[in-house]
Amino acid sequence: MQIPGFDKHIYKERHKIENLFQRLKRCRRISTRYEKTHLAFKAMVSLASIMLYIKG
């Protein structure tokens, strides 16, 4: 029996995104936001994302 309004595909994609944010928050530099400018913070998030991608 399926719950009304529950889309398994959407939930699966949402779970992936939530896991990505959790993995990014493990990076201390991002979670404490050492970078003061928006541009520097965005660059650090990009670098952390690349590092996570390379690690697998």
N, C-alpha and C. Protein backbone atom coordinates (compact mmCIF):
# COMPACT_ATOMS: atom_id res chain seq x y z
N MET A 1 0.84 -1.18 0.00
CA MET A 1 0.00 0.00 0.00
C MET A 1 0.89 1.24 0.00
N GLN A 2 0.55 2.16 -0.88
CA GLN A 2 1.34 3.38 -0.99
C GLN A 2 0.62 4.55 -0.34
N ILE A 3 1.40 5.42 0.26
CA ILE A 3 0.85 6.61 0.90
C ILE A 3 0.43 7.59 -0.19
N PRO A 4 -0.77 8.18 -0.10
CA PRO A 4 -1.19 9.14 -1.11
C PRO A 4 -0.27 10.36 -1.12
N GLY A 5 0.10 10.80 -2.31
CA GLY A 5 0.97 11.96 -2.44
C GLY A 5 2.44 11.64 -2.26
N PHE A 6 2.79 10.37 -2.17
CA PHE A 6 4.18 9.95 -1.98
C PHE A 6 4.73 9.46 -3.31
N ASP A 7 5.74 10.14 -3.81
CA ASP A 7 6.38 9.76 -5.06
C ASP A 7 7.77 9.21 -4.74
N LYS A 8 7.95 7.94 -4.97
CA LYS A 8 9.20 7.27 -4.60
C LYS A 8 10.40 7.89 -5.30
N HIS A 9 10.26 8.25 -6.57
CA HIS A 9 11.37 8.84 -7.33
C HIS A 9 11.78 10.19 -6.75
N ILE A 10 10.82 11.03 -6.44
CA ILE A 10 11.13 12.35 -5.88
C ILE A 10 11.79 12.19 -4.51
N TYR A 11 11.29 11.27 -3.70
CA TYR A 11 11.87 11.06 -2.38
C TYR A 11 13.32 10.57 -2.49
N LYS A 12 13.58 9.70 -3.47
CA LYS A 12 14.93 9.17 -3.67
C LYS A 12 15.89 10.29 -4.05
N GLU A 13 15.46 11.19 -4.94
CA GLU A 13 16.31 12.32 -5.34
C GLU A 13 16.52 13.28 -4.17
N ARG A 14 15.48 13.51 -3.39
CA ARG A 14 15.59 14.39 -2.22
C ARG A 14 16.59 13.83 -1.22
N HIS A 15 16.56 12.52 -1.05
CA HIS A 15 17.48 11.86 -0.13
C HIS A 15 18.93 12.05 -0.58
N LYS A 16 19.18 11.97 -1.88
CA LYS A 16 20.53 12.19 -2.41
C LYS A 16 21.02 13.60 -2.10
N ILE A 17 20.15 14.59 -2.30
CA ILE A 17 20.51 15.98 -2.05
C ILE A 17 20.79 16.20 -0.57
N GLU A 18 19.94 15.65 0.30
CA GLU A 18 20.16 15.80 1.74
C GLU A 18 21.48 15.17 2.17
N ASN A 19 21.81 14.02 1.58
CA ASN A 19 23.09 13.38 1.89
C ASN A 19 24.26 14.23 1.43
N LEU A 20 24.12 14.87 0.27
CA LEU A 20 25.19 15.75 -0.23
C LEU A 20 25.43 16.90 0.74
N PHE A 21 24.36 17.53 1.20
CA PHE A 21 24.52 18.63 2.16
C PHE A 21 25.17 18.15 3.45
N GLN A 22 24.81 16.96 3.89
CA GLN A 22 25.41 16.41 5.11
C GLN A 22 26.90 16.17 4.92
N ARG A 23 27.28 15.66 3.76
CA ARG A 23 28.70 15.42 3.49
C ARG A 23 29.46 16.75 3.39
N LEU A 24 28.83 17.77 2.81
CA LEU A 24 29.48 19.08 2.73
C LEU A 24 29.67 19.69 4.11
N LYS A 25 28.71 19.47 5.00
CA LYS A 25 28.80 20.04 6.35
C LYS A 25 29.90 19.39 7.18
N ARG A 26 30.37 18.22 6.76
CA ARG A 26 31.48 17.58 7.46
C ARG A 26 32.78 18.35 7.25
N CYS A 27 32.84 19.12 6.18
CA CYS A 27 34.02 19.95 5.92
C CYS A 27 33.98 21.13 6.89
N ARG A 28 34.92 21.17 7.78
CA ARG A 28 34.89 22.18 8.84
C ARG A 28 34.89 23.60 8.29
N ARG A 29 35.65 23.83 7.24
CA ARG A 29 35.76 25.16 6.67
C ARG A 29 34.41 25.66 6.16
N ILE A 30 33.58 24.77 5.67
CA ILE A 30 32.26 25.16 5.17
C ILE A 30 31.28 25.32 6.32
N SER A 31 31.30 24.37 7.26
CA SER A 31 30.33 24.43 8.36
C SER A 31 30.53 25.64 9.26
N THR A 32 31.78 26.09 9.42
CA THR A 32 32.02 27.27 10.26
C THR A 32 32.05 28.56 9.45
N ARG A 33 32.05 28.42 8.14
CA ARG A 33 32.04 29.53 7.19
C ARG A 33 33.15 30.54 7.49
N TYR A 34 34.38 30.08 7.30
CA TYR A 34 35.55 30.95 7.48
C TYR A 34 35.59 32.05 6.43
N GLU A 35 35.13 31.75 5.23
CA GLU A 35 35.15 32.76 4.16
C GLU A 35 34.08 33.81 4.44
N LYS A 36 34.47 35.05 4.35
CA LYS A 36 33.54 36.14 4.69
C LYS A 36 32.69 36.58 3.51
N THR A 37 33.25 36.51 2.30
CA THR A 37 32.49 36.97 1.14
C THR A 37 31.72 35.81 0.51
N HIS A 38 30.66 36.18 -0.16
CA HIS A 38 29.81 35.19 -0.83
C HIS A 38 30.61 34.45 -1.91
N LEU A 39 31.43 35.17 -2.64
CA LEU A 39 32.20 34.57 -3.72
C LEU A 39 33.22 33.56 -3.19
N ALA A 40 33.90 33.89 -2.11
CA ALA A 40 34.88 32.98 -1.52
C ALA A 40 34.18 31.74 -0.95
N PHE A 41 33.02 31.92 -0.34
CA PHE A 41 32.27 30.79 0.21
C PHE A 41 31.80 29.86 -0.91
N LYS A 42 31.32 30.46 -1.99
CA LYS A 42 30.86 29.68 -3.14
C LYS A 42 32.02 28.88 -3.74
N ALA A 43 33.19 29.49 -3.81
CA ALA A 43 34.37 28.80 -4.32
C ALA A 43 34.74 27.62 -3.42
N MET A 44 34.67 27.81 -2.12
CA MET A 44 35.01 26.73 -1.19
C MET A 44 34.01 25.58 -1.28
N VAL A 45 32.74 25.90 -1.46
CA VAL A 45 31.73 24.85 -1.63
C VAL A 45 32.00 24.08 -2.92
N SER A 46 32.39 24.78 -3.96
CA SER A 46 32.73 24.12 -5.23
C SER A 46 33.93 23.20 -5.06
N LEU A 47 34.96 23.67 -4.38
CA LEU A 47 36.14 22.83 -4.14
C LEU A 47 35.79 21.60 -3.31
N ALA A 48 34.99 21.79 -2.28
CA ALA A 48 34.59 20.66 -1.44
C ALA A 48 33.76 19.65 -2.24
N SER A 49 32.90 20.16 -3.12
CA SER A 49 32.09 19.28 -3.97
C SER A 49 32.98 18.46 -4.90
N ILE A 50 33.99 19.10 -5.47
CA ILE A 50 34.93 18.40 -6.35
C ILE A 50 35.68 17.33 -5.57
N MET A 51 36.11 17.67 -4.36
CA MET A 51 36.83 16.69 -3.54
C MET A 51 35.94 15.49 -3.21
N LEU A 52 34.66 15.74 -2.90
CA LEU A 52 33.74 14.64 -2.62
C LEU A 52 33.52 13.79 -3.86
N TYR A 53 33.46 14.43 -5.02
CA TYR A 53 33.26 13.71 -6.28
C TYR A 53 34.45 12.80 -6.57
N ILE A 54 35.65 13.32 -6.36
CA ILE A 54 36.86 12.55 -6.63
C ILE A 54 36.98 11.36 -5.67
N LYS A 55 36.64 11.59 -4.40
CA LYS A 55 36.72 10.51 -3.41
C LYS A 55 35.69 9.41 -3.69
N GLY A 56 34.60 9.79 -4.34
CA GLY A 56 33.60 8.79 -4.70
C GLY A 56 32.51 8.78 -3.78
